[in-house]
C-alpha cells in the first residue's frame, strides 16, 4: 500500500523558513516522481513542487519559485521541501504524493492531483504577518 507521512509543519512569522519531510513506503520510491501539494483553507488542492526520480530535475509552481526547494533521498525513501521567505499566502495544509506510474513523470499537467496516489494526513503550515 502506497503511503506517505508528512512532518515538519508549524507556525512561523512571514519571512521565516521551514523544512518539511515526507516518509514514503509501499512502493519503489526511487522509481517514482514525488510531489508536494497544498490546500489553503476553503480552496482546492494545488501542486507546489515535484521532483523527478533521480532528484536532479524539479518543477515548481510560479508562486514558490526561488523560495522553495524540493529534494529527495532515495536511500531513505524521503522527500523534503525547504521553504524560505514564507508569506501568509503560503498558509495551507501540505501533502506529498507519488505519481501513479513508475518510471514516468509527465511534462504537461504535472500537478494533476488525480494522477497521484498515497495521500497522507498532511502537515499544517501557518504563516503570520
N, C-alpha and C. Protein backbone atom coordinates (compact mmCIF):
# COMPACT_ATOMS: atom_id res chain seq x y z
N UNK A 1 0.84 -1.19 0.00
CA UNK A 1 0.00 0.00 0.00
C UNK A 1 0.88 1.25 0.00
N UNK A 2 0.65 2.12 -0.98
CA UNK A 2 1.42 3.36 -1.06
C UNK A 2 1.02 4.26 0.10
N UNK A 3 2.03 4.76 0.81
CA UNK A 3 1.75 5.57 1.99
C UNK A 3 2.80 6.66 2.14
N UNK A 4 2.34 7.83 2.59
CA UNK A 4 3.24 8.93 2.88
C UNK A 4 2.87 9.54 4.23
N UNK A 5 3.90 9.91 4.98
CA UNK A 5 3.70 10.56 6.27
C UNK A 5 4.48 11.87 6.26
N UNK A 6 3.73 12.97 6.31
CA UNK A 6 4.34 14.29 6.27
C UNK A 6 4.64 14.79 7.68
N UNK A 7 5.70 15.59 7.81
CA UNK A 7 6.05 16.18 9.10
C UNK A 7 6.81 17.47 8.89
N UNK A 8 6.97 18.24 9.96
CA UNK A 8 7.76 19.46 9.89
C UNK A 8 6.96 20.75 9.85
N UNK A 9 5.65 20.64 9.87
CA UNK A 9 4.83 21.85 9.82
C UNK A 9 4.87 22.63 11.12
N UNK A 10 4.27 23.83 11.07
CA UNK A 10 4.21 24.66 12.25
C UNK A 10 3.79 26.06 11.91
N UNK A 11 3.91 26.95 12.88
CA UNK A 11 3.59 28.36 12.70
C UNK A 11 4.88 29.16 12.63
N UNK A 12 4.94 30.08 11.70
CA UNK A 12 6.17 30.85 11.50
C UNK A 12 5.80 32.26 11.06
N UNK A 13 6.63 33.20 11.43
CA UNK A 13 6.41 34.57 11.02
C UNK A 13 6.80 34.73 9.55
N UNK A 14 6.12 35.63 8.88
CA UNK A 14 6.44 35.91 7.48
C UNK A 14 7.93 36.23 7.33
N UNK A 15 8.52 35.66 6.29
CA UNK A 15 9.95 35.81 6.08
C UNK A 15 10.77 34.68 6.64
N UNK A 16 10.14 33.84 7.44
CA UNK A 16 10.84 32.73 8.06
C UNK A 16 10.94 31.52 7.15
N UNK A 17 11.48 30.44 7.71
CA UNK A 17 11.73 29.22 6.95
C UNK A 17 11.22 28.00 7.71
N UNK A 18 10.87 26.99 6.94
CA UNK A 18 10.51 25.68 7.48
C UNK A 18 10.99 24.61 6.51
N UNK A 19 11.22 23.43 7.04
CA UNK A 19 11.60 22.29 6.20
C UNK A 19 10.65 21.15 6.48
N UNK A 20 9.94 20.73 5.43
CA UNK A 20 9.02 19.62 5.53
C UNK A 20 9.70 18.32 5.10
N UNK A 21 9.28 17.24 5.72
CA UNK A 21 9.75 15.91 5.33
C UNK A 21 8.55 15.03 5.02
N UNK A 22 8.77 14.07 4.14
CA UNK A 22 7.72 13.13 3.77
C UNK A 22 8.36 11.76 3.67
N UNK A 23 7.95 10.86 4.54
CA UNK A 23 8.44 9.48 4.52
C UNK A 23 7.52 8.61 3.71
N UNK A 24 8.08 7.92 2.71
CA UNK A 24 7.29 7.10 1.80
C UNK A 24 7.49 5.63 2.07
N UNK A 25 6.46 4.84 1.79
CA UNK A 25 6.56 3.39 1.92
C UNK A 25 5.53 2.73 1.01
N UNK A 26 5.75 1.44 0.77
CA UNK A 26 4.77 0.67 0.00
C UNK A 26 5.00 0.64 -1.50
N UNK A 27 6.11 1.26 -1.97
CA UNK A 27 6.41 1.22 -3.40
C UNK A 27 7.90 1.46 -3.58
N UNK A 28 8.37 1.29 -4.80
CA UNK A 28 9.78 1.51 -5.10
C UNK A 28 10.00 3.00 -5.25
N UNK A 29 10.37 3.63 -4.16
CA UNK A 29 10.41 5.09 -4.08
C UNK A 29 11.27 5.70 -5.18
N UNK A 30 12.43 5.12 -5.43
CA UNK A 30 13.37 5.70 -6.38
C UNK A 30 12.87 5.71 -7.81
N UNK A 31 11.78 5.03 -8.10
CA UNK A 31 11.25 4.95 -9.45
C UNK A 31 10.05 5.86 -9.67
N UNK A 32 9.71 6.64 -8.67
CA UNK A 32 8.50 7.46 -8.78
C UNK A 32 8.81 8.94 -8.68
N UNK A 33 8.10 9.74 -9.47
CA UNK A 33 8.09 11.18 -9.26
C UNK A 33 7.25 11.44 -8.01
N UNK A 34 7.73 12.33 -7.18
CA UNK A 34 7.03 12.64 -5.93
C UNK A 34 6.81 14.15 -5.85
N UNK A 35 5.65 14.53 -5.39
CA UNK A 35 5.28 15.94 -5.39
C UNK A 35 4.77 16.39 -4.03
N UNK A 36 4.91 17.67 -3.80
CA UNK A 36 4.26 18.34 -2.68
C UNK A 36 3.06 19.12 -3.22
N UNK A 37 1.97 19.02 -2.52
CA UNK A 37 0.76 19.79 -2.81
C UNK A 37 0.39 20.56 -1.55
N UNK A 38 -0.49 21.53 -1.72
CA UNK A 38 -1.01 22.24 -0.56
C UNK A 38 -2.47 22.60 -0.79
N UNK A 39 -3.19 22.74 0.31
CA UNK A 39 -4.59 23.10 0.24
C UNK A 39 -4.86 24.20 1.25
N UNK A 40 -4.97 25.44 0.77
CA UNK A 40 -5.31 26.54 1.68
C UNK A 40 -6.74 26.39 2.19
N UNK A 41 -7.07 27.02 3.29
CA UNK A 41 -8.43 26.92 3.82
C UNK A 41 -9.46 27.37 2.80
N UNK A 42 -10.46 26.54 2.54
CA UNK A 42 -11.54 26.89 1.64
C UNK A 42 -11.20 26.87 0.17
N UNK A 43 -10.01 26.36 -0.17
CA UNK A 43 -9.60 26.34 -1.56
C UNK A 43 -9.25 24.92 -2.00
N UNK A 44 -9.07 24.75 -3.31
CA UNK A 44 -8.73 23.44 -3.84
C UNK A 44 -7.24 23.13 -3.61
N UNK A 45 -6.95 21.84 -3.64
CA UNK A 45 -5.56 21.42 -3.52
C UNK A 45 -4.80 21.82 -4.78
N UNK A 46 -3.57 22.31 -4.61
CA UNK A 46 -2.75 22.73 -5.74
C UNK A 46 -1.35 22.16 -5.62
N UNK A 47 -0.74 21.93 -6.77
CA UNK A 47 0.63 21.46 -6.77
C UNK A 47 1.60 22.55 -6.42
N UNK A 48 2.65 22.18 -5.70
CA UNK A 48 3.68 23.13 -5.28
C UNK A 48 5.01 22.82 -5.97
N UNK A 49 5.44 21.57 -5.87
CA UNK A 49 6.73 21.18 -6.45
C UNK A 49 6.74 19.68 -6.68
N UNK A 50 7.44 19.26 -7.71
CA UNK A 50 7.59 17.84 -7.99
C UNK A 50 9.05 17.57 -8.32
N UNK A 51 9.55 16.46 -7.83
CA UNK A 51 10.94 16.07 -8.11
C UNK A 51 10.93 14.76 -8.88
N UNK A 52 11.71 14.72 -9.93
CA UNK A 52 11.77 13.52 -10.76
C UNK A 52 12.62 12.46 -10.06
N UNK A 53 12.66 11.28 -10.65
CA UNK A 53 13.19 10.11 -9.96
C UNK A 53 14.63 10.28 -9.50
N UNK A 54 15.47 10.83 -10.32
CA UNK A 54 16.89 10.97 -9.97
C UNK A 54 17.17 12.10 -9.02
N UNK A 55 16.24 13.00 -8.88
CA UNK A 55 16.40 14.12 -7.96
C UNK A 55 17.03 15.36 -8.57
N UNK A 56 17.53 15.24 -9.80
CA UNK A 56 18.22 16.39 -10.39
C UNK A 56 17.27 17.38 -11.04
N UNK A 57 16.07 16.96 -11.31
CA UNK A 57 15.13 17.80 -12.03
C UNK A 57 13.88 18.01 -11.19
N UNK A 58 13.44 19.24 -11.14
CA UNK A 58 12.25 19.57 -10.36
C UNK A 58 11.44 20.63 -11.08
N UNK A 59 10.17 20.66 -10.77
CA UNK A 59 9.25 21.66 -11.32
C UNK A 59 8.54 22.33 -10.17
N UNK A 60 8.35 23.65 -10.28
CA UNK A 60 7.71 24.41 -9.22
C UNK A 60 6.56 25.23 -9.78
N UNK A 61 5.56 25.43 -8.96
CA UNK A 61 4.51 26.38 -9.31
C UNK A 61 5.12 27.78 -9.22
N UNK A 62 4.65 28.68 -10.06
CA UNK A 62 5.28 30.00 -10.15
C UNK A 62 5.34 30.73 -8.81
N UNK A 63 4.34 30.57 -7.98
CA UNK A 63 4.25 31.33 -6.74
C UNK A 63 5.34 30.97 -5.72
N UNK A 64 6.03 29.85 -5.91
CA UNK A 64 7.06 29.45 -4.94
C UNK A 64 8.45 29.42 -5.55
N UNK A 65 8.57 29.69 -6.82
CA UNK A 65 9.88 29.65 -7.48
C UNK A 65 10.84 30.63 -6.80
N UNK A 66 12.05 30.14 -6.55
CA UNK A 66 13.06 30.97 -5.90
C UNK A 66 12.97 30.99 -4.39
N UNK A 67 11.88 30.43 -3.84
CA UNK A 67 11.72 30.41 -2.37
C UNK A 67 11.71 28.98 -1.82
N UNK A 68 11.13 28.06 -2.57
CA UNK A 68 11.01 26.66 -2.12
C UNK A 68 11.98 25.78 -2.92
N UNK A 69 12.50 24.75 -2.26
CA UNK A 69 13.35 23.78 -2.92
C UNK A 69 12.92 22.37 -2.51
N UNK A 70 12.61 21.56 -3.52
CA UNK A 70 12.26 20.16 -3.26
C UNK A 70 13.49 19.30 -3.50
N UNK A 71 13.66 18.28 -2.67
CA UNK A 71 14.77 17.36 -2.83
C UNK A 71 14.33 15.98 -2.33
N UNK A 72 15.14 14.99 -2.62
CA UNK A 72 14.79 13.63 -2.21
C UNK A 72 16.03 12.87 -1.81
N UNK A 73 15.84 11.92 -0.91
CA UNK A 73 16.89 10.99 -0.51
C UNK A 73 16.35 9.60 -0.82
N UNK A 74 16.75 9.04 -1.92
CA UNK A 74 16.21 7.75 -2.34
C UNK A 74 16.61 6.62 -1.40
N UNK A 75 17.74 6.76 -0.74
CA UNK A 75 18.18 5.72 0.20
C UNK A 75 17.30 5.70 1.44
N UNK A 76 16.73 6.84 1.77
CA UNK A 76 15.90 6.95 2.96
C UNK A 76 14.41 7.02 2.65
N UNK A 77 14.07 6.88 1.36
CA UNK A 77 12.66 6.94 0.95
C UNK A 77 11.97 8.20 1.48
N UNK A 78 12.64 9.32 1.33
CA UNK A 78 12.14 10.57 1.91
C UNK A 78 12.28 11.71 0.90
N UNK A 79 11.26 12.55 0.87
CA UNK A 79 11.31 13.77 0.07
C UNK A 79 11.16 14.95 1.01
N UNK A 80 11.85 16.05 0.66
CA UNK A 80 11.87 17.23 1.51
C UNK A 80 11.34 18.44 0.75
N UNK A 81 10.90 19.42 1.50
CA UNK A 81 10.54 20.71 0.93
C UNK A 81 11.10 21.79 1.84
N UNK A 82 12.15 22.46 1.37
CA UNK A 82 12.72 23.58 2.10
C UNK A 82 11.97 24.84 1.67
N UNK A 83 11.38 25.53 2.63
CA UNK A 83 10.57 26.69 2.34
C UNK A 83 11.20 27.91 3.01
N UNK A 84 11.63 28.85 2.20
CA UNK A 84 12.23 30.09 2.69
C UNK A 84 11.36 31.28 2.31
N UNK A 85 11.61 32.39 2.96
CA UNK A 85 10.87 33.64 2.67
C UNK A 85 9.37 33.39 2.65
N UNK A 86 8.88 32.72 3.65
CA UNK A 86 7.48 32.35 3.70
C UNK A 86 6.58 33.57 3.77
N UNK A 87 5.42 33.45 3.13
CA UNK A 87 4.44 34.52 3.08
C UNK A 87 3.12 34.03 3.69
N UNK A 88 2.28 34.94 4.16
CA UNK A 88 0.98 34.49 4.69
C UNK A 88 0.18 33.66 3.70
N UNK A 89 0.32 33.94 2.42
CA UNK A 89 -0.43 33.17 1.42
C UNK A 89 0.10 31.75 1.25
N UNK A 90 1.20 31.41 1.90
CA UNK A 90 1.68 30.02 1.90
C UNK A 90 0.96 29.18 2.95
N UNK A 91 0.13 29.81 3.77
CA UNK A 91 -0.61 29.10 4.79
C UNK A 91 -1.52 28.05 4.15
N UNK A 92 -1.36 26.79 4.57
CA UNK A 92 -2.12 25.69 3.97
C UNK A 92 -1.76 24.39 4.67
N UNK A 93 -2.52 23.36 4.36
CA UNK A 93 -2.13 22.00 4.71
C UNK A 93 -1.29 21.49 3.56
N UNK A 94 -0.13 20.94 3.87
CA UNK A 94 0.79 20.45 2.86
C UNK A 94 0.80 18.92 2.85
N UNK A 95 0.74 18.38 1.63
CA UNK A 95 0.70 16.93 1.43
C UNK A 95 1.77 16.51 0.44
N UNK A 96 2.23 15.27 0.55
CA UNK A 96 3.05 14.73 -0.52
C UNK A 96 2.35 13.49 -1.09
N UNK A 97 2.69 13.16 -2.31
CA UNK A 97 2.08 12.04 -3.00
C UNK A 97 3.01 11.61 -4.13
N UNK A 98 2.82 10.39 -4.59
CA UNK A 98 3.64 9.85 -5.66
C UNK A 98 2.85 9.73 -6.95
N UNK A 99 3.51 10.00 -8.06
CA UNK A 99 2.85 9.82 -9.36
C UNK A 99 2.52 8.34 -9.52
N UNK A 100 1.35 8.06 -10.03
CA UNK A 100 0.83 6.70 -10.02
C UNK A 100 1.49 5.75 -11.01
N UNK A 101 2.32 6.26 -11.91
CA UNK A 101 3.02 5.42 -12.89
C UNK A 101 4.50 5.49 -12.59
N UNK A 102 5.12 4.33 -12.34
CA UNK A 102 6.55 4.33 -12.06
C UNK A 102 7.35 4.62 -13.32
N UNK A 103 8.56 5.17 -13.11
CA UNK A 103 9.48 5.47 -14.20
C UNK A 103 8.90 6.44 -15.22
N UNK A 104 7.97 7.26 -14.79
CA UNK A 104 7.34 8.21 -15.70
C UNK A 104 6.94 9.45 -14.92
N UNK A 105 7.23 10.59 -15.52
CA UNK A 105 6.81 11.85 -14.94
C UNK A 105 6.43 12.74 -16.10
N UNK A 106 5.20 13.15 -16.22
CA UNK A 106 4.75 13.86 -17.42
C UNK A 106 5.37 15.25 -17.54
N UNK A 107 5.43 15.74 -18.76
CA UNK A 107 5.88 17.11 -18.99
C UNK A 107 4.73 18.09 -18.83
N UNK A 108 3.54 17.67 -19.22
CA UNK A 108 2.37 18.54 -19.11
C UNK A 108 1.47 18.09 -17.98
N UNK A 109 0.71 19.02 -17.42
CA UNK A 109 -0.25 18.72 -16.34
C UNK A 109 0.42 17.91 -15.24
N UNK A 110 1.60 18.31 -14.87
CA UNK A 110 2.39 17.53 -13.92
C UNK A 110 1.79 17.56 -12.53
N UNK A 111 0.91 18.53 -12.26
CA UNK A 111 0.28 18.62 -10.93
C UNK A 111 -1.17 18.16 -10.93
N UNK A 112 -1.55 17.31 -11.88
CA UNK A 112 -2.91 16.79 -11.89
C UNK A 112 -3.09 15.86 -10.70
N UNK A 113 -3.89 16.26 -9.73
CA UNK A 113 -3.99 15.51 -8.47
C UNK A 113 -4.54 14.11 -8.69
N UNK A 114 -5.36 13.92 -9.71
CA UNK A 114 -5.95 12.60 -9.95
C UNK A 114 -4.91 11.57 -10.34
N UNK A 115 -3.73 12.00 -10.75
CA UNK A 115 -2.67 11.09 -11.18
C UNK A 115 -1.72 10.72 -10.05
N UNK A 116 -1.96 11.22 -8.86
CA UNK A 116 -1.09 10.95 -7.73
C UNK A 116 -1.78 10.05 -6.73
N UNK A 117 -0.97 9.34 -5.96
CA UNK A 117 -1.51 8.35 -5.03
C UNK A 117 -0.76 8.40 -3.70
N UNK A 118 -1.39 7.80 -2.69
CA UNK A 118 -0.74 7.71 -1.39
C UNK A 118 -0.83 8.98 -0.57
N UNK A 119 -1.95 9.66 -0.64
CA UNK A 119 -2.12 10.91 0.10
C UNK A 119 -2.08 10.65 1.60
N UNK A 120 -1.25 11.45 2.30
CA UNK A 120 -1.15 11.31 3.74
C UNK A 120 -2.11 12.23 4.46
N UNK A 121 -1.89 12.40 5.75
CA UNK A 121 -2.74 13.28 6.57
C UNK A 121 -2.37 14.74 6.41
N UNK A 122 -1.18 14.99 5.89
CA UNK A 122 -0.74 16.36 5.70
C UNK A 122 -0.09 16.95 6.94
N UNK A 123 0.56 18.09 6.74
CA UNK A 123 1.16 18.84 7.84
C UNK A 123 0.81 20.31 7.64
N UNK A 124 0.37 20.97 8.70
CA UNK A 124 -0.15 22.32 8.60
C UNK A 124 0.96 23.35 8.69
N UNK A 125 0.93 24.30 7.76
CA UNK A 125 1.82 25.45 7.78
C UNK A 125 0.97 26.70 7.96
N UNK A 126 1.31 27.49 8.97
CA UNK A 126 0.64 28.76 9.20
C UNK A 126 1.69 29.86 9.23
N UNK A 127 1.54 30.82 8.34
CA UNK A 127 2.47 31.95 8.27
C UNK A 127 1.73 33.20 8.69
N UNK A 128 2.21 33.86 9.73
CA UNK A 128 1.54 35.05 10.23
C UNK A 128 2.40 36.28 9.96
N UNK A 129 1.73 37.38 9.76
CA UNK A 129 2.46 38.62 9.44
C UNK A 129 2.72 39.45 10.68
